[in-house]
Amino acid sequence: MGKTVAVILGGGRGERLRPLTSARSKPAVPIAGMFRLVDIPISNCLNSNIYDIHVLTQYQSASLNRHISQTYRFDNFRPGQVQVLAAEQLDAASGWYQGTADAVRKQLKRLDANDDDDVLVLSGDQMYMMDIADFVAHHRQTDADVTIAATRCRRDEARRFGIMRVSADTLITQFAEKPQDDETLDAFVVPDPDGDRTHLASMGIYLFKAKVLAALLNDDQRDDFGKHILPRALDTHRMM
C-alpha cells in the first residue's frame, strides 16, 4: 500500500472577496488572526497523517508563498514537506495554469507519486473540518479509481456545483457539472427525510489512484476536473 500525496490548489482571483483579495489570492486571506484560509486544508492533511503536501500557486501568490514557507517546517522526528509549486514558463508550453486539471497536469512529475500511491486534490480556499484518513480508507476499501467527497445541498444551490447520483454502495452512477436546466436537476434529486437538501454536491475534493490520475490527464488534455476529466472518467473508471 502506497502513501497519499496531497495537492492543494492555490486559487484564482477571488472576485467575490474583494477588497480582501485585491493584493492576494483567496487561500492567503487571513482568518482568526494569525491563520490563512490555506491552513484549513493543510491542517486537515496533517491531522490525518498526510505529510507530503504540495501547494500549487499562481495568481497574487507572494503573500501565500511567504506564509507557507514561514509556517510549515518539519524536523527529524516528523519527516514531511509543505512545498510550493509555482506556475513556471516551460520550453514545451506556456506555464500558466489554465484550470484545475491543467495545474495538476503541469506539476504531476514534481509530485514523485508511485503507481501504488494515491493523489489527493484539495481546494486552498474552503472552510471545513474533515477526517481525510476516513476518506482515504473508504477509497482503498472500495478499490476506487477516483473518490469524490460530497455534501448535500438545496436545489437552488445545485446549479453552482457538480452534482451526482450514487448507488447504495456509494458508486457514482451519474455526474453533471453545474447543470442549469430543470430536467437535469429533477433527475438528480435524492430525497432528504430531514429537510430540503435534495441534491448531492461535489466538494471539489478528489482522491485518485496515482496511475489513474496520470492516465486521465494524459488522455484528456482539457483544463478542468469538474467540467472535463470527471464526466469522461465516469464511463471508464470506478468512481465512488
C-alpha atoms as a PDB file:
ATOM      1  CA  MET A   1       0.000   0.000   0.000  1.00  0.00           C
ATOM      2  CA  GLY A   2       1.451   3.346  -1.066  1.00  0.00           C
ATOM      3  CA  LYS A   3       1.317   6.778   0.506  1.00  0.00           C
ATOM      4  CA  THR A   4      -1.103   9.654  -0.049  1.00  0.00           C
ATOM      5  CA  VAL A   5       0.281  12.754  -1.748  1.00  0.00           C
ATOM      6  CA  ALA A   6      -1.757  15.934  -1.293  1.00  0.00           C
ATOM      7  CA  VAL A   7      -2.088  18.673  -3.914  1.00  0.00           C
ATOM      8  CA  ILE A   8      -3.706  21.937  -2.776  1.00  0.00           C
ATOM      9  CA  LEU A   9      -4.864  24.312  -5.499  1.00  0.00           C
ATOM     10  CA  GLY A  10      -3.743  27.851  -4.723  1.00  0.00           C
ATOM     11  CA  GLY A  11      -6.824  29.569  -6.111  1.00  0.00           C
ATOM     12  CA  GLY A  12      -7.562  32.334  -8.567  1.00  0.00           C
ATOM     13  CA  ARG A  13      -8.755  35.916  -8.455  1.00  0.00           C
ATOM     14  CA  GLY A  14     -11.425  35.590  -5.756  1.00  0.00           C
ATOM     15  CA  GLU A  15     -13.521  38.471  -7.089  1.00  0.00           C
ATOM     16  CA  ARG A  16     -16.333  37.959  -4.557  1.00  0.00           C
ATOM     17  CA  LEU A  17     -13.968  38.533  -1.630  1.00  0.00           C
ATOM     18  CA  ARG A  18     -12.619  41.908  -2.753  1.00  0.00           C
ATOM     19  CA  PRO A  19     -11.080  44.017  -1.268  1.00  0.00           C
ATOM     20  CA  LEU A  20      -9.605  41.133   0.797  1.00  0.00           C
ATOM     21  CA  THR A  21      -8.226  39.625  -2.415  1.00  0.00           C
ATOM     22  CA  SER A  22      -7.037  42.860  -4.043  1.00  0.00           C
ATOM     23  CA  ALA A  23      -3.409  42.037  -3.227  1.00  0.00           C
ATOM     24  CA  ARG A  24      -3.552  38.287  -2.504  1.00  0.00           C
ATOM     25  CA  SER A  25      -5.149  35.040  -3.649  1.00  0.00           C
ATOM     26  CA  LYS A  26      -8.132  33.603  -1.763  1.00  0.00           C
ATOM     27  CA  PRO A  27      -6.127  30.946   0.116  1.00  0.00           C
ATOM     28  CA  ALA A  28      -3.962  33.731   1.569  1.00  0.00           C
ATOM     29  CA  VAL A  29      -6.922  35.639   3.073  1.00  0.00           C
ATOM     30  CA  PRO A  30      -6.385  35.944   6.872  1.00  0.00           C
ATOM     31  CA  ILE A  31      -8.803  34.269   9.285  1.00  0.00           C
ATOM     32  CA  ALA A  32      -8.818  34.065  13.082  1.00  0.00           C
ATOM     33  CA  GLY A  33      -5.849  36.364  13.493  1.00  0.00           C
ATOM     34  CA  MET A  34      -2.632  34.606  12.502  1.00  0.00           C
ATOM     35  CA  PHE A  35      -4.114  31.980  10.167  1.00  0.00           C
ATOM     36  CA  ARG A  36      -4.903  31.930   6.426  1.00  0.00           C
ATOM     37  CA  LEU A  37      -7.578  30.002   4.532  1.00  0.00           C
ATOM     38  CA  VAL A  38      -4.929  27.643   3.163  1.00  0.00           C
ATOM     39  CA  ASP A  39      -4.183  26.487   6.726  1.00  0.00           C
ATOM     40  CA  ILE A  40      -7.528  24.648   6.772  1.00  0.00           C
ATOM     41  CA  PRO A  41      -6.773  22.018   4.086  1.00  0.00           C
ATOM     42  CA  ILE A  42      -3.155  21.781   5.288  1.00  0.00           C
ATOM     43  CA  SER A  43      -4.354  21.213   8.868  1.00  0.00           C
ATOM     44  CA  ASN A  44      -6.850  18.576   7.702  1.00  0.00           C
ATOM     45  CA  CYS A  45      -3.983  16.769   5.951  1.00  0.00           C
ATOM     46  CA  LEU A  46      -1.564  16.948   8.879  1.00  0.00           C
ATOM     47  CA  ASN A  47      -4.212  15.794  11.353  1.00  0.00           C
ATOM     48  CA  SER A  48      -4.879  12.830   9.034  1.00  0.00           C
ATOM     49  CA  ASN A  49      -1.181  11.876   8.930  1.00  0.00           C
ATOM     50  CA  ILE A  50      -0.636  13.136   5.392  1.00  0.00           C
ATOM     51  CA  TYR A  51       2.711  14.919   5.370  1.00  0.00           C
ATOM     52  CA  ASP A  52       3.584  15.045   1.662  1.00  0.00           C
ATOM     53  CA  ILE A  53       1.790  18.255   0.659  1.00  0.00           C
ATOM     54  CA  HIS A  54       2.210  20.459  -2.403  1.00  0.00           C
ATOM     55  CA  VAL A  55       0.536  23.857  -2.867  1.00  0.00           C
ATOM     56  CA  LEU A  56       0.126  24.974  -6.488  1.00  0.00           C
ATOM     57  CA  THR A  57       0.241  28.766  -6.716  1.00  0.00           C
ATOM     58  CA  GLN A  58      -0.086  31.310  -9.498  1.00  0.00           C
ATOM     59  CA  TYR A  59      -2.256  34.410  -9.008  1.00  0.00           C
ATOM     60  CA  GLN A  60      -1.158  37.068  -6.462  1.00  0.00           C
ATOM     61  CA  SER A  61       0.902  34.375  -4.768  1.00  0.00           C
ATOM     62  CA  ALA A  62       3.631  36.293  -2.889  1.00  0.00           C
ATOM     63  CA  SER A  63       1.674  36.524   0.377  1.00  0.00           C
ATOM     64  CA  LEU A  64       0.650  32.853   0.184  1.00  0.00           C
ATOM     65  CA  ASN A  65       4.164  31.643  -0.646  1.00  0.00           C
ATOM     66  CA  ARG A  66       5.638  33.630   2.262  1.00  0.00           C
ATOM     67  CA  HIS A  67       3.076  32.321   4.749  1.00  0.00           C
ATOM     68  CA  ILE A  68       3.694  28.691   3.795  1.00  0.00           C
ATOM     69  CA  SER A  69       7.489  28.984   3.896  1.00  0.00           C
ATOM     70  CA  GLN A  70       7.412  30.650   7.314  1.00  0.00           C
ATOM     71  CA  THR A  71       4.772  28.402   8.896  1.00  0.00           C
ATOM     72  CA  TYR A  72       5.429  24.794   7.906  1.00  0.00           C
ATOM     73  CA  ARG A  73       8.806  23.421   8.885  1.00  0.00           C
ATOM     74  CA  PHE A  74       9.331  19.777   9.765  1.00  0.00           C
ATOM     75  CA  ASP A  75      12.074  18.283  11.924  1.00  0.00           C
ATOM     76  CA  ASN A  76      13.872  14.941  12.083  1.00  0.00           C
ATOM     77  CA  PHE A  77      11.083  13.470  14.195  1.00  0.00           C
ATOM     78  CA  ARG A  78       8.320  14.327  11.704  1.00  0.00           C
ATOM     79  CA  PRO A  79       9.541  13.949   8.114  1.00  0.00           C
ATOM     80  CA  GLY A  80       7.428  15.681   5.519  1.00  0.00           C
ATOM     81  CA  GLN A  81       7.015  18.790   3.414  1.00  0.00           C
ATOM     82  CA  VAL A  82       4.596  21.542   2.525  1.00  0.00           C
ATOM     83  CA  GLN A  83       6.105  22.614  -0.778  1.00  0.00           C
ATOM     84  CA  VAL A  84       5.045  25.492  -3.021  1.00  0.00           C
ATOM     85  CA  LEU A  85       4.917  24.615  -6.719  1.00  0.00           C
ATOM     86  CA  ALA A  86       4.547  27.889  -8.611  1.00  0.00           C
ATOM     87  CA  ALA A  87       3.482  28.163 -12.233  1.00  0.00           C
ATOM     88  CA  GLU A  88       6.556  28.465 -14.401  1.00  0.00           C
ATOM     89  CA  GLN A  89       7.478  29.050 -18.014  1.00  0.00           C
ATOM     90  CA  LEU A  90       8.387  25.824 -19.812  1.00  0.00           C
ATOM     91  CA  ASP A  91      10.046  25.145 -23.149  1.00  0.00           C
ATOM     92  CA  ALA A  92       7.222  22.907 -24.317  1.00  0.00           C
ATOM     93  CA  ALA A  93       4.264  25.129 -23.443  1.00  0.00           C
ATOM     94  CA  SER A  94       3.083  28.131 -21.502  1.00  0.00           C
ATOM     95  CA  GLY A  95       3.493  27.618 -17.789  1.00  0.00           C
ATOM     96  CA  TRP A  96       0.283  29.391 -16.715  1.00  0.00           C
ATOM     97  CA  TYR A  97      -2.342  27.081 -15.245  1.00  0.00           C
ATOM     98  CA  GLN A  98      -5.492  27.083 -17.381  1.00  0.00           C
ATOM     99  CA  GLY A  99      -7.712  25.232 -14.882  1.00  0.00           C
ATOM    100  CA  THR A 100      -7.691  22.765 -12.014  1.00  0.00           C
ATOM    101  CA  ALA A 101      -6.754  19.719 -14.092  1.00  0.00           C
ATOM    102  CA  ASP A 102      -4.200  21.655 -16.121  1.00  0.00           C
ATOM    103  CA  ALA A 103      -2.491  22.851 -12.930  1.00  0.00           C
ATOM    104  CA  VAL A 104      -2.070  19.296 -11.639  1.00  0.00           C
ATOM    105  CA  ARG A 105      -1.008  18.053 -15.080  1.00  0.00           C
ATOM    106  CA  LYS A 106       1.781  20.620 -15.307  1.00  0.00           C
ATOM    107  CA  GLN A 107       3.173  19.641 -11.878  1.00  0.00           C
ATOM    108  CA  LEU A 108       2.476  15.909 -11.941  1.00  0.00           C
ATOM    109  CA  LYS A 109       6.123  14.878 -12.274  1.00  0.00           C
ATOM    110  CA  ARG A 110       7.080  17.068  -9.300  1.00  0.00           C
ATOM    111  CA  LEU A 111       4.800  15.057  -7.012  1.00  0.00           C
ATOM    112  CA  ASP A 112       7.029  11.964  -7.217  1.00  0.00           C
ATOM    113  CA  ALA A 113       3.981   9.706  -6.840  1.00  0.00           C
ATOM    114  CA  ASN A 114       4.447   5.987  -7.476  1.00  0.00           C
ATOM    115  CA  ASP A 115       1.842   3.797  -9.174  1.00  0.00           C
ATOM    116  CA  ASP A 116       0.625   2.411  -5.828  1.00  0.00           C
ATOM    117  CA  ASP A 117       0.248   5.889  -4.287  1.00  0.00           C
ATOM    118  CA  ASP A 118      -2.914   7.980  -4.134  1.00  0.00           C
ATOM    119  CA  VAL A 119      -3.103  11.665  -5.052  1.00  0.00           C
ATOM    120  CA  LEU A 120      -5.459  13.872  -3.046  1.00  0.00           C
ATOM    121  CA  VAL A 121      -6.609  17.080  -4.758  1.00  0.00           C
ATOM    122  CA  LEU A 122      -7.916  19.841  -2.467  1.00  0.00           C
ATOM    123  CA  SER A 123      -9.001  23.441  -2.825  1.00  0.00           C
ATOM    124  CA  GLY A 124      -6.960  26.003  -0.907  1.00  0.00           C
ATOM    125  CA  ASP A 125      -9.876  28.310  -0.102  1.00  0.00           C
ATOM    126  CA  GLN A 126     -12.544  26.167   1.585  1.00  0.00           C
ATOM    127  CA  MET A 127     -13.558  26.170   5.265  1.00  0.00           C
ATOM    128  CA  TYR A 128     -14.396  22.707   6.611  1.00  0.00           C
ATOM    129  CA  MET A 129     -13.237  20.040   9.052  1.00  0.00           C
ATOM    130  CA  MET A 130     -12.718  16.565   7.626  1.00  0.00           C
ATOM    131  CA  ASP A 131     -11.018  13.354   8.714  1.00  0.00           C
ATOM    132  CA  ILE A 132      -9.218  12.656   5.459  1.00  0.00           C
ATOM    133  CA  ALA A 133      -7.936   9.355   6.864  1.00  0.00           C
ATOM    134  CA  ASP A 134     -11.518   8.008   6.724  1.00  0.00           C
ATOM    135  CA  PHE A 135     -11.841   9.332   3.171  1.00  0.00           C
ATOM    136  CA  VAL A 136      -8.642   7.548   2.105  1.00  0.00           C
ATOM    137  CA  ALA A 137      -9.722   4.350   3.877  1.00  0.00           C
ATOM    138  CA  HIS A 138     -13.058   4.343   2.008  1.00  0.00           C
ATOM    139  CA  HIS A 139     -11.227   4.926  -1.288  1.00  0.00           C
ATOM    140  CA  ARG A 140      -8.975   1.927  -0.702  1.00  0.00           C
ATOM    141  CA  GLN A 141     -11.591  -0.398   0.781  1.00  0.00           C
ATOM    142  CA  THR A 142     -13.847   0.074  -2.256  1.00  0.00           C
ATOM    143  CA  ASP A 143     -10.898  -0.204  -4.687  1.00  0.00           C
ATOM    144  CA  ALA A 144     -11.964   3.080  -6.264  1.00  0.00           C
ATOM    145  CA  ASP A 145     -10.053   4.645  -9.119  1.00  0.00           C
ATOM    146  CA  VAL A 146     -11.476   8.029  -8.126  1.00  0.00           C
ATOM    147  CA  THR A 147     -13.319   9.100  -4.974  1.00  0.00           C
ATOM    148  CA  ILE A 148     -15.191  12.402  -4.679  1.00  0.00           C
ATOM    149  CA  ALA A 149     -16.151  13.969  -1.350  1.00  0.00           C
ATOM    150  CA  ALA A 150     -19.767  15.111  -1.395  1.00  0.00           C
ATOM    151  CA  THR A 151     -22.234  17.024   0.706  1.00  0.00           C
ATOM    152  CA  ARG A 152     -25.966  17.608   0.439  1.00  0.00           C
ATOM    153  CA  CYS A 153     -27.268  20.908  -0.930  1.00  0.00           C
ATOM    154  CA  ARG A 154     -30.594  22.522  -1.771  1.00  0.00           C
ATOM    155  CA  ARG A 155     -31.994  22.536  -5.300  1.00  0.00           C
ATOM    156  CA  ASP A 156     -31.424  26.293  -5.673  1.00  0.00           C
ATOM    157  CA  GLU A 157     -27.743  25.773  -4.797  1.00  0.00           C
ATOM    158  CA  ALA A 158     -27.191  22.766  -7.076  1.00  0.00           C
ATOM    159  CA  ARG A 159     -26.635  24.888 -10.194  1.00  0.00           C
ATOM    160  CA  ARG A 160     -23.323  26.087  -8.692  1.00  0.00           C
ATOM    161  CA  PHE A 161     -21.840  22.615  -8.153  1.00  0.00           C
ATOM    162  CA  GLY A 162     -21.070  19.329  -9.772  1.00  0.00           C
ATOM    163  CA  ILE A 163     -23.912  17.049  -8.684  1.00  0.00           C
ATOM    164  CA  MET A 164     -24.149  13.278  -8.703  1.00  0.00           C
ATOM    165  CA  ARG A 165     -26.273  10.228  -8.155  1.00  0.00           C
ATOM    166  CA  VAL A 166     -24.877   7.217  -6.316  1.00  0.00           C
ATOM    167  CA  SER A 167     -25.866   3.603  -5.725  1.00  0.00           C
ATOM    168  CA  ALA A 168     -26.424   2.123  -2.279  1.00  0.00           C
ATOM    169  CA  ASP A 169     -22.721   1.228  -2.021  1.00  0.00           C
ATOM    170  CA  THR A 170     -21.676   4.834  -2.955  1.00  0.00           C
ATOM    171  CA  LEU A 171     -20.715   4.022  -6.567  1.00  0.00           C
ATOM    172  CA  ILE A 172     -21.261   7.172  -8.655  1.00  0.00           C
ATOM    173  CA  THR A 173     -23.680   6.386 -11.479  1.00  0.00           C
ATOM    174  CA  GLN A 174     -24.282   9.887 -12.887  1.00  0.00           C
ATOM    175  CA  PHE A 175     -22.402  13.182 -12.718  1.00  0.00           C
ATOM    176  CA  ALA A 176     -23.301  16.639 -14.063  1.00  0.00           C
ATOM    177  CA  GLU A 177     -21.238  19.806 -13.682  1.00  0.00           C
ATOM    178  CA  LYS A 178     -23.252  22.921 -12.744  1.00  0.00           C
ATOM    179  CA  PRO A 179     -26.494  21.897 -14.502  1.00  0.00           C
ATOM    180  CA  GLN A 180     -28.769  24.813 -15.359  1.00  0.00           C
ATOM    181  CA  ASP A 181     -31.852  23.083 -16.781  1.00  0.00           C
ATOM    182  CA  ASP A 182     -34.714  21.886 -14.588  1.00  0.00           C
ATOM    183  CA  GLU A 183     -34.872  18.487 -16.288  1.00  0.00           C
ATOM    184  CA  THR A 184     -31.349  17.568 -15.162  1.00  0.00           C
ATOM    185  CA  LEU A 185     -31.949  18.928 -11.674  1.00  0.00           C
ATOM    186  CA  ASP A 186     -35.103  16.808 -11.395  1.00  0.00           C
ATOM    187  CA  ALA A 187     -33.200  13.699 -12.475  1.00  0.00           C
ATOM    188  CA  PHE A 188     -30.599  14.159  -9.716  1.00  0.00           C
ATOM    189  CA  VAL A 189     -32.981  14.557  -6.758  1.00  0.00           C
ATOM    190  CA  VAL A 190     -32.004  12.429  -3.751  1.00  0.00           C
ATOM    191  CA  PRO A 191     -34.826  12.532  -1.173  1.00  0.00           C
ATOM    192  CA  ASP A 192     -33.856  14.107   2.128  1.00  0.00           C
ATOM    193  CA  PRO A 193     -36.034  12.847   5.015  1.00  0.00           C
ATOM    194  CA  ASP A 194     -34.746  15.625   7.280  1.00  0.00           C
ATOM    195  CA  GLY A 195     -35.259  18.669   5.046  1.00  0.00           C
ATOM    196  CA  ASP A 196     -34.791  20.190   1.605  1.00  0.00           C
ATOM    197  CA  ARG A 197     -31.181  19.260   0.871  1.00  0.00           C
ATOM    198  CA  THR A 198     -32.179  17.138  -2.106  1.00  0.00           C
ATOM    199  CA  HIS A 199     -29.005  17.110  -4.212  1.00  0.00           C
ATOM    200  CA  LEU A 200     -25.585  15.560  -3.686  1.00  0.00           C
ATOM    201  CA  ALA A 201     -22.891  18.128  -4.493  1.00  0.00           C
ATOM    202  CA  SER A 202     -19.202  17.605  -5.162  1.00  0.00           C
ATOM    203  CA  MET A 203     -16.983  19.425  -2.655  1.00  0.00           C
ATOM    204  CA  GLY A 204     -14.145  19.687  -5.173  1.00  0.00           C
ATOM    205  CA  ILE A 205     -12.166  17.195  -3.073  1.00  0.00           C
ATOM    206  CA  TYR A 206     -10.861  14.317  -5.177  1.00  0.00           C
ATOM    207  CA  LEU A 207      -8.748  11.231  -4.464  1.00  0.00           C
ATOM    208  CA  PHE A 208      -7.162   9.386  -7.388  1.00  0.00           C
ATOM    209  CA  LYS A 209      -5.034   6.335  -7.761  1.00  0.00           C
ATOM    210  CA  ALA A 210      -1.809   7.950  -8.965  1.00  0.00           C
ATOM    211  CA  LYS A 211      -1.577   5.862 -12.127  1.00  0.00           C
ATOM    212  CA  VAL A 212      -5.233   6.580 -12.929  1.00  0.00           C
ATOM    213  CA  LEU A 213      -4.728  10.326 -12.491  1.00  0.00           C
ATOM    214  CA  ALA A 214      -1.704  10.279 -14.799  1.00  0.00           C
ATOM    215  CA  ALA A 215      -3.625   8.336 -17.448  1.00  0.00           C
ATOM    216  CA  LEU A 216      -6.689  10.599 -17.253  1.00  0.00           C
ATOM    217  CA  LEU A 217      -4.627  13.782 -17.551  1.00  0.00           C
ATOM    218  CA  ASN A 218      -2.608  12.339 -20.413  1.00  0.00           C
ATOM    219  CA  ASP A 219      -5.629  11.068 -22.358  1.00  0.00           C
ATOM    220  CA  ASP A 220      -7.698  14.239 -21.956  1.00  0.00           C
ATOM    221  CA  GLN A 221      -5.796  17.498 -22.376  1.00  0.00           C
ATOM    222  CA  ARG A 222      -8.687  19.704 -21.300  1.00  0.00           C
ATOM    223  CA  ASP A 223      -8.366  22.012 -18.323  1.00  0.00           C
ATOM    224  CA  ASP A 224     -10.907  21.324 -15.570  1.00  0.00           C
ATOM    225  CA  PHE A 225     -11.654  18.320 -13.354  1.00  0.00           C
ATOM    226  CA  GLY A 226     -15.355  19.010 -12.876  1.00  0.00           C
ATOM    227  CA  LYS A 227     -16.181  20.054 -16.434  1.00  0.00           C
ATOM    228  CA  HIS A 228     -13.947  17.688 -18.370  1.00  0.00           C
ATOM    229  CA  ILE A 229     -11.968  14.975 -16.596  1.00  0.00           C
ATOM    230  CA  LEU A 230     -14.521  13.516 -14.164  1.00  0.00           C
ATOM    231  CA  PRO A 231     -17.520  13.251 -16.536  1.00  0.00           C
ATOM    232  CA  ARG A 232     -15.348  11.350 -19.007  1.00  0.00           C
ATOM    233  CA  ALA A 233     -13.801   9.163 -16.285  1.00  0.00           C
ATOM    234  CA  LEU A 234     -17.270   8.040 -15.205  1.00  0.00           C
ATOM    235  CA  ASP A 235     -17.541   5.955 -18.393  1.00  0.00           C
ATOM    236  CA  THR A 236     -14.199   4.219 -17.961  1.00  0.00           C
ATOM    237  CA  HIS A 237     -13.276   4.083 -14.268  1.00  0.00           C
ATOM    238  CA  ARG A 238     -14.694   3.106 -10.880  1.00  0.00           C
ATOM    239  CA  MET A 239     -15.775   6.321  -9.167  1.00  0.00           C
ATOM    240  CA  MET A 240     -17.050   6.321  -5.595  1.00  0.00           C
END
